[in-house]
PDB file of N, CA and C in Angstrom:
ATOM      1  N   UNK A   1      37.640 -91.764 -46.890  1.00  0.00           N
ATOM      2  CA  UNK A   1      38.703 -90.861 -45.659  1.00  0.00           C
ATOM      3  C   UNK A   1      40.296 -91.491 -45.992  1.00  0.00           C
ATOM      4  N   UNK A   2      40.099 -92.684 -46.255  1.00  0.00           N
ATOM      5  CA  UNK A   2      41.245 -92.748 -47.752  1.00  0.00           C
ATOM      6  C   UNK A   2      42.182 -92.068 -48.394  1.00  0.00           C
ATOM      7  N   UNK A   3      41.612 -91.529 -48.895  1.00  0.00           N
ATOM      8  CA  UNK A   3      41.484 -90.464 -50.095  1.00  0.00           C
ATOM      9  C   UNK A   3      42.221 -89.267 -49.143  1.00  0.00           C
ATOM     10  N   UNK A   4      41.168 -88.594 -47.958  1.00  0.00           N
ATOM     11  CA  UNK A   4      41.926 -87.864 -47.119  1.00  0.00           C
ATOM     12  C   UNK A   4      43.564 -87.687 -46.684  1.00  0.00           C
ATOM     13  N   UNK A   5      43.229 -89.212 -45.904  1.00  0.00           N
ATOM     14  CA  UNK A   5      44.352 -89.333 -45.277  1.00  0.00           C
ATOM     15  C   UNK A   5      45.438 -89.430 -46.007  1.00  0.00           C
ATOM     16  N   UNK A   6      45.369 -89.428 -47.581  1.00  0.00           N
ATOM     17  CA  UNK A   6      46.780 -89.884 -48.635  1.00  0.00           C
ATOM     18  C   UNK A   6      47.185 -88.695 -48.721  1.00  0.00           C
ATOM     19  N   UNK A   7      46.040 -87.924 -49.044  1.00  0.00           N
ATOM     20  CA  UNK A   7      46.126 -86.040 -49.302  1.00  0.00           C
ATOM     21  C   UNK A   7      47.052 -85.612 -48.577  1.00  0.00           C
ATOM     22  N   UNK A   8      47.018 -85.828 -47.015  1.00  0.00           N
ATOM     23  CA  UNK A   8      47.124 -84.667 -46.092  1.00  0.00           C
ATOM     24  C   UNK A   8      48.748 -84.292 -46.026  1.00  0.00           C
ATOM     25  N   UNK A   9      49.100 -84.214 -45.381  1.00  0.00           N
ATOM     26  CA  UNK A   9      50.261 -83.663 -44.591  1.00  0.00           C
ATOM     27  C   UNK A   9      50.660 -84.520 -43.709  1.00  0.00           C
ATOM     28  N   UNK A  10      52.097 -84.899 -43.520  1.00  0.00           N
ATOM     29  CA  UNK A  10      52.705 -85.886 -42.677  1.00  0.00           C
ATOM     30  C   UNK A  10      52.161 -85.750 -41.084  1.00  0.00           C
ATOM     31  N   UNK A  11      52.122 -84.694 -40.671  1.00  0.00           N
ATOM     32  CA  UNK A  11      52.159 -83.885 -39.843  1.00  0.00           C
ATOM     33  C   UNK A  11      50.914 -83.705 -38.902  1.00  0.00           C
ATOM     34  N   UNK A  12      49.957 -84.392 -39.938  1.00  0.00           N
ATOM     35  CA  UNK A  12      48.193 -84.068 -39.901  1.00  0.00           C
ATOM     36  C   UNK A  12      47.734 -85.432 -39.879  1.00  0.00           C
ATOM     37  N   UNK A  13      46.842 -85.384 -38.809  1.00  0.00           N
ATOM     38  CA  UNK A  13      46.687 -86.684 -38.370  1.00  0.00           C
ATOM     39  C   UNK A  13      44.895 -86.537 -38.486  1.00  0.00           C
ATOM     40  N   UNK A  14      43.871 -86.611 -39.154  1.00  0.00           N
ATOM     41  CA  UNK A  14      42.857 -86.599 -39.592  1.00  0.00           C
ATOM     42  C   UNK A  14      42.153 -87.570 -39.797  1.00  0.00           C
ATOM     43  N   UNK A  15      42.485 -88.382 -38.539  1.00  0.00           N
ATOM     44  CA  UNK A  15      41.251 -89.571 -38.996  1.00  0.00           C
ATOM     45  C   UNK A  15      39.762 -90.025 -37.842  1.00  0.00           C
ATOM     46  N   UNK A  16      39.491 -89.121 -37.215  1.00  0.00           N
ATOM     47  CA  UNK A  16      38.218 -89.464 -36.403  1.00  0.00           C
ATOM     48  C   UNK A  16      37.244 -88.309 -37.536  1.00  0.00           C
ATOM     49  N   UNK A  17      36.363 -89.069 -37.622  1.00  0.00           N
ATOM     50  CA  UNK A  17      34.540 -88.909 -38.325  1.00  0.00           C
ATOM     51  C   UNK A  17      34.040 -88.180 -37.133  1.00  0.00           C
ATOM     52  N   UNK A  18      33.884 -88.565 -35.936  1.00  0.00           N
ATOM     53  CA  UNK A  18      33.304 -88.056 -34.932  1.00  0.00           C
ATOM     54  C   UNK A  18      33.658 -86.768 -34.454  1.00  0.00           C
ATOM     55  N   UNK A  19      35.415 -86.309 -33.779  1.00  0.00           N
ATOM     56  CA  UNK A  19      35.471 -85.424 -33.370  1.00  0.00           C
ATOM     57  C   UNK A  19      36.303 -84.794 -34.118  1.00  0.00           C
ATOM     58  N   UNK A  20      35.868 -84.793 -35.054  1.00  0.00           N
ATOM     59  CA  UNK A  20      36.825 -83.415 -36.280  1.00  0.00           C
ATOM     60  C   UNK A  20      38.698 -83.963 -36.143  1.00  0.00           C
ATOM     61  N   UNK A  21      38.738 -82.572 -36.886  1.00  0.00           N
ATOM     62  CA  UNK A  21      40.479 -82.793 -37.130  1.00  0.00           C
ATOM     63  C   UNK A  21      41.121 -82.337 -35.870  1.00  0.00           C
ATOM     64  N   UNK A  22      42.547 -82.908 -35.899  1.00  0.00           N
ATOM     65  CA  UNK A  22      43.492 -82.353 -34.849  1.00  0.00           C
ATOM     66  C   UNK A  22      44.526 -82.548 -35.362  1.00  0.00           C
ATOM     67  N   UNK A  23      45.788 -82.015 -34.921  1.00  0.00           N
ATOM     68  CA  UNK A  23      47.289 -82.230 -35.758  1.00  0.00           C
ATOM     69  C   UNK A  23      48.077 -82.359 -34.450  1.00  0.00           C
ATOM     70  N   UNK A  24      49.311 -83.305 -34.829  1.00  0.00           N
ATOM     71  CA  UNK A  24      50.292 -83.559 -33.787  1.00  0.00           C
ATOM     72  C   UNK A  24      50.568 -83.144 -32.937  1.00  0.00           C
ATOM     73  N   UNK A  25      51.059 -82.937 -31.699  1.00  0.00           N
ATOM     74  CA  UNK A  25      51.552 -81.452 -30.962  1.00  0.00           C
ATOM     75  C   UNK A  25      52.986 -81.048 -31.773  1.00  0.00           C
ATOM     76  N   UNK A  26      53.575 -82.143 -32.191  1.00  0.00           N
ATOM     77  CA  UNK A  26      54.912 -81.808 -32.580  1.00  0.00           C
ATOM     78  C   UNK A  26      54.752 -80.796 -33.948  1.00  0.00           C
ATOM     79  N   UNK A  27      54.006 -80.747 -34.790  1.00  0.00           N
ATOM     80  CA  UNK A  27      53.605 -80.021 -35.909  1.00  0.00           C
ATOM     81  C   UNK A  27      53.072 -78.091 -35.207  1.00  0.00           C
ATOM     82  N   UNK A  28      52.762 -77.767 -34.388  1.00  0.00           N
ATOM     83  CA  UNK A  28      52.401 -77.431 -33.589  1.00  0.00           C
ATOM     84  C   UNK A  28      53.427 -76.550 -32.684  1.00  0.00           C
ATOM     85  N   UNK A  29      53.850 -77.530 -32.025  1.00  0.00           N
ATOM     86  CA  UNK A  29      54.986 -76.897 -30.923  1.00  0.00           C
ATOM     87  C   UNK A  29      56.507 -77.065 -31.349  1.00  0.00           C
ATOM     88  N   UNK A  30      57.421 -76.190 -31.679  1.00  0.00           N
ATOM     89  CA  UNK A  30      58.578 -75.864 -32.344  1.00  0.00           C
ATOM     90  C   UNK A  30      58.908 -75.921 -31.026  1.00  0.00           C
ATOM     91  N   UNK A  31      59.855 -77.073 -31.208  1.00  0.00           N
ATOM     92  CA  UNK A  31      61.010 -77.240 -29.731  1.00  0.00           C
ATOM     93  C   UNK A  31      61.747 -75.801 -29.658  1.00  0.00           C
ATOM     94  N   UNK A  32      62.501 -74.694 -30.772  1.00  0.00           N
ATOM     95  CA  UNK A  32      63.055 -73.945 -30.694  1.00  0.00           C
ATOM     96  C   UNK A  32      62.255 -72.735 -30.605  1.00  0.00           C
ATOM     97  N   UNK A  33      61.031 -72.534 -30.403  1.00  0.00           N
ATOM     98  CA  UNK A  33      60.641 -71.553 -30.380  1.00  0.00           C
ATOM     99  C   UNK A  33      60.403 -71.182 -28.880  1.00  0.00           C
ATOM    100  N   UNK A  34      61.115 -70.682 -28.449  1.00  0.00           N
ATOM    101  CA  UNK A  34      61.717 -70.284 -26.932  1.00  0.00           C
ATOM    102  C   UNK A  34      61.738 -68.603 -26.857  1.00  0.00           C
ATOM    103  N   UNK A  35      61.801 -67.733 -27.601  1.00  0.00           N
ATOM    104  CA  UNK A  35      61.391 -66.315 -27.535  1.00  0.00           C
ATOM    105  C   UNK A  35      60.392 -65.680 -27.611  1.00  0.00           C
ATOM    106  N   UNK A  36      59.506 -65.277 -25.938  1.00  0.00           N
ATOM    107  CA  UNK A  36      58.661 -64.449 -26.430  1.00  0.00           C
ATOM    108  C   UNK A  36      59.066 -63.081 -26.850  1.00  0.00           C
ATOM    109  N   UNK A  37      58.542 -62.650 -27.816  1.00  0.00           N
ATOM    110  CA  UNK A  37      58.706 -60.618 -27.613  1.00  0.00           C
ATOM    111  C   UNK A  37      56.924 -59.516 -27.865  1.00  0.00           C
ATOM    112  N   UNK A  38      56.769 -59.068 -26.601  1.00  0.00           N
ATOM    113  CA  UNK A  38      56.245 -58.641 -26.492  1.00  0.00           C
ATOM    114  C   UNK A  38      56.678 -57.300 -26.659  1.00  0.00           C
ATOM    115  N   UNK A  39      55.812 -55.803 -27.542  1.00  0.00           N
ATOM    116  CA  UNK A  39      55.836 -54.604 -27.254  1.00  0.00           C
ATOM    117  C   UNK A  39      54.689 -53.793 -26.378  1.00  0.00           C
ATOM    118  N   UNK A  40      55.404 -53.650 -25.685  1.00  0.00           N
ATOM    119  CA  UNK A  40      54.412 -52.339 -24.548  1.00  0.00           C
ATOM    120  C   UNK A  40      54.162 -51.109 -24.211  1.00  0.00           C
ATOM    121  N   UNK A  41      53.160 -50.880 -25.139  1.00  0.00           N
ATOM    122  CA  UNK A  41      52.678 -48.979 -24.924  1.00  0.00           C
ATOM    123  C   UNK A  41      51.953 -48.362 -24.074  1.00  0.00           C
ATOM    124  N   UNK A  42      52.332 -46.901 -23.518  1.00  0.00           N
ATOM    125  CA  UNK A  42      51.698 -46.115 -22.486  1.00  0.00           C
ATOM    126  C   UNK A  42      52.952 -45.381 -22.255  1.00  0.00           C
ATOM    127  N   UNK A  43      52.604 -44.692 -21.022  1.00  0.00           N
ATOM    128  CA  UNK A  43      53.695 -44.100 -19.806  1.00  0.00           C
ATOM    129  C   UNK A  43      53.810 -44.935 -18.903  1.00  0.00           C
ATOM    130  N   UNK A  44      53.203 -46.011 -18.564  1.00  0.00           N
ATOM    131  CA  UNK A  44      54.350 -47.027 -17.396  1.00  0.00           C
ATOM    132  C   UNK A  44      54.802 -48.088 -18.413  1.00  0.00           C
ATOM    133  N   UNK A  45      54.769 -47.944 -19.209  1.00  0.00           N
ATOM    134  CA  UNK A  45      55.770 -49.281 -20.439  1.00  0.00           C
ATOM    135  C   UNK A  45      56.631 -49.713 -19.864  1.00  0.00           C
ATOM    136  N   UNK A  46      57.968 -49.055 -18.947  1.00  0.00           N
ATOM    137  CA  UNK A  46      59.237 -49.690 -18.613  1.00  0.00           C
ATOM    138  C   UNK A  46      58.544 -50.582 -16.937  1.00  0.00           C
ATOM    139  N   UNK A  47      57.199 -49.917 -16.254  1.00  0.00           N
ATOM    140  CA  UNK A  47      56.723 -50.380 -15.604  1.00  0.00           C
ATOM    141  C   UNK A  47      55.912 -52.202 -15.886  1.00  0.00           C
ATOM    142  N   UNK A  48      55.988 -51.799 -16.515  1.00  0.00           N
ATOM    143  CA  UNK A  48      54.964 -53.179 -17.141  1.00  0.00           C
ATOM    144  C   UNK A  48      55.471 -54.058 -17.906  1.00  0.00           C
ATOM    145  N   UNK A  49      56.966 -53.532 -18.501  1.00  0.00           N
ATOM    146  CA  UNK A  49      57.757 -54.439 -19.023  1.00  0.00           C
ATOM    147  C   UNK A  49      58.690 -55.324 -17.531  1.00  0.00           C
ATOM    148  N   UNK A  50      59.057 -54.184 -16.446  1.00  0.00           N
ATOM    149  CA  UNK A  50      59.845 -54.736 -15.222  1.00  0.00           C
ATOM    150  C   UNK A  50      58.927 -55.836 -15.178  1.00  0.00           C
ATOM    151  N   UNK A  51      57.435 -55.622 -14.983  1.00  0.00           N
ATOM    152  CA  UNK A  51      56.550 -56.367 -13.837  1.00  0.00           C
ATOM    153  C   UNK A  51      56.360 -58.221 -15.271  1.00  0.00           C
ATOM    154  N   UNK A  52      56.013 -58.229 -16.153  1.00  0.00           N
ATOM    155  CA  UNK A  52      55.961 -59.421 -17.453  1.00  0.00           C
ATOM    156  C   UNK A  52      57.307 -60.418 -17.292  1.00  0.00           C
ATOM    157  N   UNK A  53      58.659 -58.965 -16.785  1.00  0.00           N
ATOM    158  CA  UNK A  53      59.780 -60.214 -16.142  1.00  0.00           C
ATOM    159  C   UNK A  53      59.960 -60.453 -15.864  1.00  0.00           C
ATOM    160  N   UNK A  54      59.522 -59.998 -14.376  1.00  0.00           N
ATOM    161  CA  UNK A  54      59.341 -60.657 -12.898  1.00  0.00           C
ATOM    162  C   UNK A  54      58.462 -62.011 -13.261  1.00  0.00           C
ATOM    163  N   UNK A  55      57.366 -61.401 -13.849  1.00  0.00           N
ATOM    164  CA  UNK A  55      56.238 -63.406 -13.417  1.00  0.00           C
ATOM    165  C   UNK A  55      57.233 -64.410 -14.257  1.00  0.00           C
ATOM    166  N   UNK A  56      57.668 -63.772 -15.753  1.00  0.00           N
ATOM    167  CA  UNK A  56      58.433 -65.046 -15.821  1.00  0.00           C
ATOM    168  C   UNK A  56      59.543 -65.955 -15.412  1.00  0.00           C
ATOM    169  N   UNK A  57      60.262 -64.710 -14.719  1.00  0.00           N
ATOM    170  CA  UNK A  57      61.407 -65.289 -14.031  1.00  0.00           C
ATOM    171  C   UNK A  57      60.827 -65.569 -12.547  1.00  0.00           C
ATOM    172  N   UNK A  58      60.130 -65.390 -11.964  1.00  0.00           N
ATOM    173  CA  UNK A  58      59.559 -66.135 -10.661  1.00  0.00           C
ATOM    174  C   UNK A  58      58.746 -67.365 -11.485  1.00  0.00           C
ATOM    175  N   UNK A  59      58.111 -67.653 -12.870  1.00  0.00           N
ATOM    176  CA  UNK A  59      57.417 -68.465 -12.938  1.00  0.00           C
ATOM    177  C   UNK A  59      58.553 -69.467 -13.579  1.00  0.00           C
ATOM    178  N   UNK A  60      59.009 -69.769 -13.924  1.00  0.00           N
ATOM    179  CA  UNK A  60      60.306 -70.452 -14.322  1.00  0.00           C
ATOM    180  C   UNK A  60      61.313 -70.133 -14.357  1.00  0.00           C
ATOM    181  N   UNK A  61      62.591 -70.679 -13.502  1.00  0.00           N
ATOM    182  CA  UNK A  61      63.937 -70.944 -13.646  1.00  0.00           C
ATOM    183  C   UNK A  61      64.733 -70.760 -15.013  1.00  0.00           C
ATOM    184  N   UNK A  62      65.820 -69.491 -15.106  1.00  0.00           N
ATOM    185  CA  UNK A  62      66.171 -69.980 -15.822  1.00  0.00           C
ATOM    186  C   UNK A  62      65.626 -68.562 -17.303  1.00  0.00           C
ATOM    187  N   UNK A  63      64.759 -68.201 -16.802  1.00  0.00           N
ATOM    188  CA  UNK A  63      64.552 -67.300 -18.469  1.00  0.00           C
ATOM    189  C   UNK A  63      65.347 -65.342 -18.251  1.00  0.00           C
ATOM    190  N   UNK A  64      65.623 -65.196 -19.106  1.00  0.00           N
ATOM    191  CA  UNK A  64      66.922 -64.394 -19.525  1.00  0.00           C
ATOM    192  C   UNK A  64      64.871 -63.256 -20.020  1.00  0.00           C
ATOM    193  N   UNK A  65      66.438 -61.974 -20.233  1.00  0.00           N
ATOM    194  CA  UNK A  65      65.284 -61.267 -20.856  1.00  0.00           C
ATOM    195  C   UNK A  65      65.884 -59.834 -21.198  1.00  0.00           C
ATOM    196  N   UNK A  66      65.545 -59.202 -22.437  1.00  0.00           N
ATOM    197  CA  UNK A  66      66.290 -58.140 -22.996  1.00  0.00           C
ATOM    198  C   UNK A  66      64.745 -56.649 -23.269  1.00  0.00           C
ATOM    199  N   UNK A  67      65.351 -55.585 -22.785  1.00  0.00           N
ATOM    200  CA  UNK A  67      64.122 -54.602 -23.080  1.00  0.00           C
ATOM    201  C   UNK A  67      65.086 -53.687 -23.881  1.00  0.00           C
ATOM    202  N   UNK A  68      64.565 -53.267 -24.457  1.00  0.00           N
ATOM    203  CA  UNK A  68      64.534 -51.997 -25.438  1.00  0.00           C
ATOM    204  C   UNK A  68      63.270 -50.769 -25.095  1.00  0.00           C
ATOM    205  N   UNK A  69      63.832 -49.674 -24.361  1.00  0.00           N
ATOM    206  CA  UNK A  69      63.051 -48.342 -23.820  1.00  0.00           C
ATOM    207  C   UNK A  69      63.236 -47.477 -25.263  1.00  0.00           C
ATOM    208  N   UNK A  70      61.684 -46.628 -26.107  1.00  0.00           N
ATOM    209  CA  UNK A  70      62.179 -45.914 -26.982  1.00  0.00           C
ATOM    210  C   UNK A  70      60.557 -45.006 -26.923  1.00  0.00           C
ATOM    211  N   UNK A  71      61.002 -44.384 -25.659  1.00  0.00           N
ATOM    212  CA  UNK A  71      59.885 -43.078 -25.375  1.00  0.00           C
ATOM    213  C   UNK A  71      58.465 -43.680 -24.422  1.00  0.00           C
ATOM    214  N   UNK A  72      57.309 -43.890 -25.547  1.00  0.00           N
ATOM    215  CA  UNK A  72      56.639 -44.959 -24.803  1.00  0.00           C
ATOM    216  C   UNK A  72      56.106 -45.965 -25.210  1.00  0.00           C
ATOM    217  N   UNK A  73      57.011 -46.386 -25.552  1.00  0.00           N
ATOM    218  CA  UNK A  73      57.448 -47.895 -25.753  1.00  0.00           C
ATOM    219  C   UNK A  73      58.417 -48.999 -25.363  1.00  0.00           C
ATOM    220  N   UNK A  74      58.403 -50.593 -24.691  1.00  0.00           N
ATOM    221  CA  UNK A  74      59.201 -50.751 -24.798  1.00  0.00           C
ATOM    222  C   UNK A  74      59.323 -52.556 -24.933  1.00  0.00           C
ATOM    223  N   UNK A  75      60.224 -52.757 -25.388  1.00  0.00           N
ATOM    224  CA  UNK A  75      59.817 -53.994 -26.413  1.00  0.00           C
ATOM    225  C   UNK A  75      61.110 -55.074 -25.427  1.00  0.00           C
ATOM    226  N   UNK A  76      59.945 -56.156 -24.964  1.00  0.00           N
ATOM    227  CA  UNK A  76      60.764 -56.968 -24.504  1.00  0.00           C
ATOM    228  C   UNK A  76      61.088 -58.014 -25.136  1.00  0.00           C
ATOM    229  N   UNK A  77      61.862 -58.844 -24.899  1.00  0.00           N
ATOM    230  CA  UNK A  77      62.296 -60.280 -25.443  1.00  0.00           C
ATOM    231  C   UNK A  77      62.139 -61.173 -24.069  1.00  0.00           C
ATOM    232  N   UNK A  78      61.989 -62.444 -24.068  1.00  0.00           N
ATOM    233  CA  UNK A  78      61.969 -63.025 -22.943  1.00  0.00           C
ATOM    234  C   UNK A  78      62.554 -64.571 -23.257  1.00  0.00           C
ATOM    235  N   UNK A  79      63.655 -64.948 -22.976  1.00  0.00           N
ATOM    236  CA  UNK A  79      63.912 -66.258 -23.758  1.00  0.00           C
ATOM    237  C   UNK A  79      63.754 -67.362 -22.447  1.00  0.00           C
ATOM    238  N   UNK A  80      63.262 -68.282 -23.067  1.00  0.00           N
ATOM    239  CA  UNK A  80      62.461 -69.296 -22.363  1.00  0.00           C
ATOM    240  C   UNK A  80      63.446 -70.480 -22.169  1.00  0.00           C
ATOM    241  N   UNK A  81      63.497 -71.750 -21.454  1.00  0.00           N
ATOM    242  CA  UNK A  81      64.707 -72.979 -22.134  1.00  0.00           C
ATOM    243  C   UNK A  81      63.834 -73.521 -22.168  1.00  0.00           C
ATOM    244  N   UNK A  82      62.616 -73.538 -22.495  1.00  0.00           N
ATOM    245  CA  UNK A  82      62.306 -74.810 -23.190  1.00  0.00           C
ATOM    246  C   UNK A  82      60.571 -73.940 -24.181  1.00  0.00           C
ATOM    247  N   UNK A  83      60.210 -74.434 -24.985  1.00  0.00           N
ATOM    248  CA  UNK A  83      58.953 -73.723 -25.612  1.00  0.00           C
ATOM    249  C   UNK A  83      58.024 -74.172 -25.192  1.00  0.00           C
ATOM    250  N   UNK A  84      57.505 -75.421 -24.310  1.00  0.00           N
ATOM    251  CA  UNK A  84      56.420 -75.475 -23.308  1.00  0.00           C
ATOM    252  C   UNK A  84      56.576 -74.579 -22.231  1.00  0.00           C
ATOM    253  N   UNK A  85      57.726 -74.023 -21.606  1.00  0.00           N
ATOM    254  CA  UNK A  85      57.379 -72.899 -20.818  1.00  0.00           C
ATOM    255  C   UNK A  85      56.958 -71.629 -21.488  1.00  0.00           C
ATOM    256  N   UNK A  86      57.168 -71.059 -22.404  1.00  0.00           N
ATOM    257  CA  UNK A  86      56.694 -69.985 -23.640  1.00  0.00           C
ATOM    258  C   UNK A  86      55.410 -70.484 -23.559  1.00  0.00           C
ATOM    259  N   UNK A  87      54.617 -71.333 -23.977  1.00  0.00           N
ATOM    260  CA  UNK A  87      53.428 -71.097 -24.329  1.00  0.00           C
ATOM    261  C   UNK A  87      52.653 -71.580 -22.943  1.00  0.00           C
ATOM    262  N   UNK A  88      53.167 -72.019 -21.925  1.00  0.00           N
ATOM    263  CA  UNK A  88      52.549 -72.079 -20.192  1.00  0.00           C
ATOM    264  C   UNK A  88      52.493 -70.631 -20.151  1.00  0.00           C
ATOM    265  N   UNK A  89      53.198 -69.897 -19.947  1.00  0.00           N
ATOM    266  CA  UNK A  89      53.365 -68.370 -19.798  1.00  0.00           C
ATOM    267  C   UNK A  89      52.487 -67.344 -20.521  1.00  0.00           C
ATOM    268  N   UNK A  90      52.775 -67.541 -21.982  1.00  0.00           N
ATOM    269  CA  UNK A  90      51.883 -66.688 -22.324  1.00  0.00           C
ATOM    270  C   UNK A  90      49.772 -67.562 -22.155  1.00  0.00           C
ATOM    271  N   UNK A  91      49.409 -68.663 -21.628  1.00  0.00           N
ATOM    272  CA  UNK A  91      48.411 -69.305 -21.759  1.00  0.00           C
ATOM    273  C   UNK A  91      47.936 -68.351 -20.031  1.00  0.00           C
ATOM    274  N   UNK A  92      48.856 -68.229 -19.550  1.00  0.00           N
ATOM    275  CA  UNK A  92      48.773 -68.467 -18.099  1.00  0.00           C
ATOM    276  C   UNK A  92      48.244 -66.683 -17.894  1.00  0.00           C
ATOM    277  N   UNK A  93      48.790 -65.719 -19.143  1.00  0.00           N
ATOM    278  CA  UNK A  93      48.877 -64.697 -18.713  1.00  0.00           C
ATOM    279  C   UNK A  93      48.188 -63.980 -19.702  1.00  0.00           C
ATOM    280  N   UNK A  94      47.552 -64.376 -20.628  1.00  0.00           N
ATOM    281  CA  UNK A  94      46.750 -63.802 -21.471  1.00  0.00           C
ATOM    282  C   UNK A  94      47.256 -63.376 -22.748  1.00  0.00           C
ATOM    283  N   UNK A  95      48.542 -63.880 -22.742  1.00  0.00           N
ATOM    284  CA  UNK A  95      49.656 -63.240 -24.393  1.00  0.00           C
ATOM    285  C   UNK A  95      49.503 -63.758 -25.696  1.00  0.00           C
TER     286      UNK A  95
END
């Protein structure tokens, strides 16, 4: 076990023989990862984009959004105040 611990990155804490590996949250979550980029397709992509933006802005205060429409494609960029808000929104909406 000591050799494994010496060989691993400082960001990883793999010390449990029974429950397996886990990483420190800070190694997975970047505090500056606050932008969620989505590409929506279809005839109703603009409507879908507006729905996603509305959900995000209702759920979290201070969310800003940019939309780029090109035919049947909409690119949406949502900027959250905190990376945790982005992750929560993705989990709640299956993104």
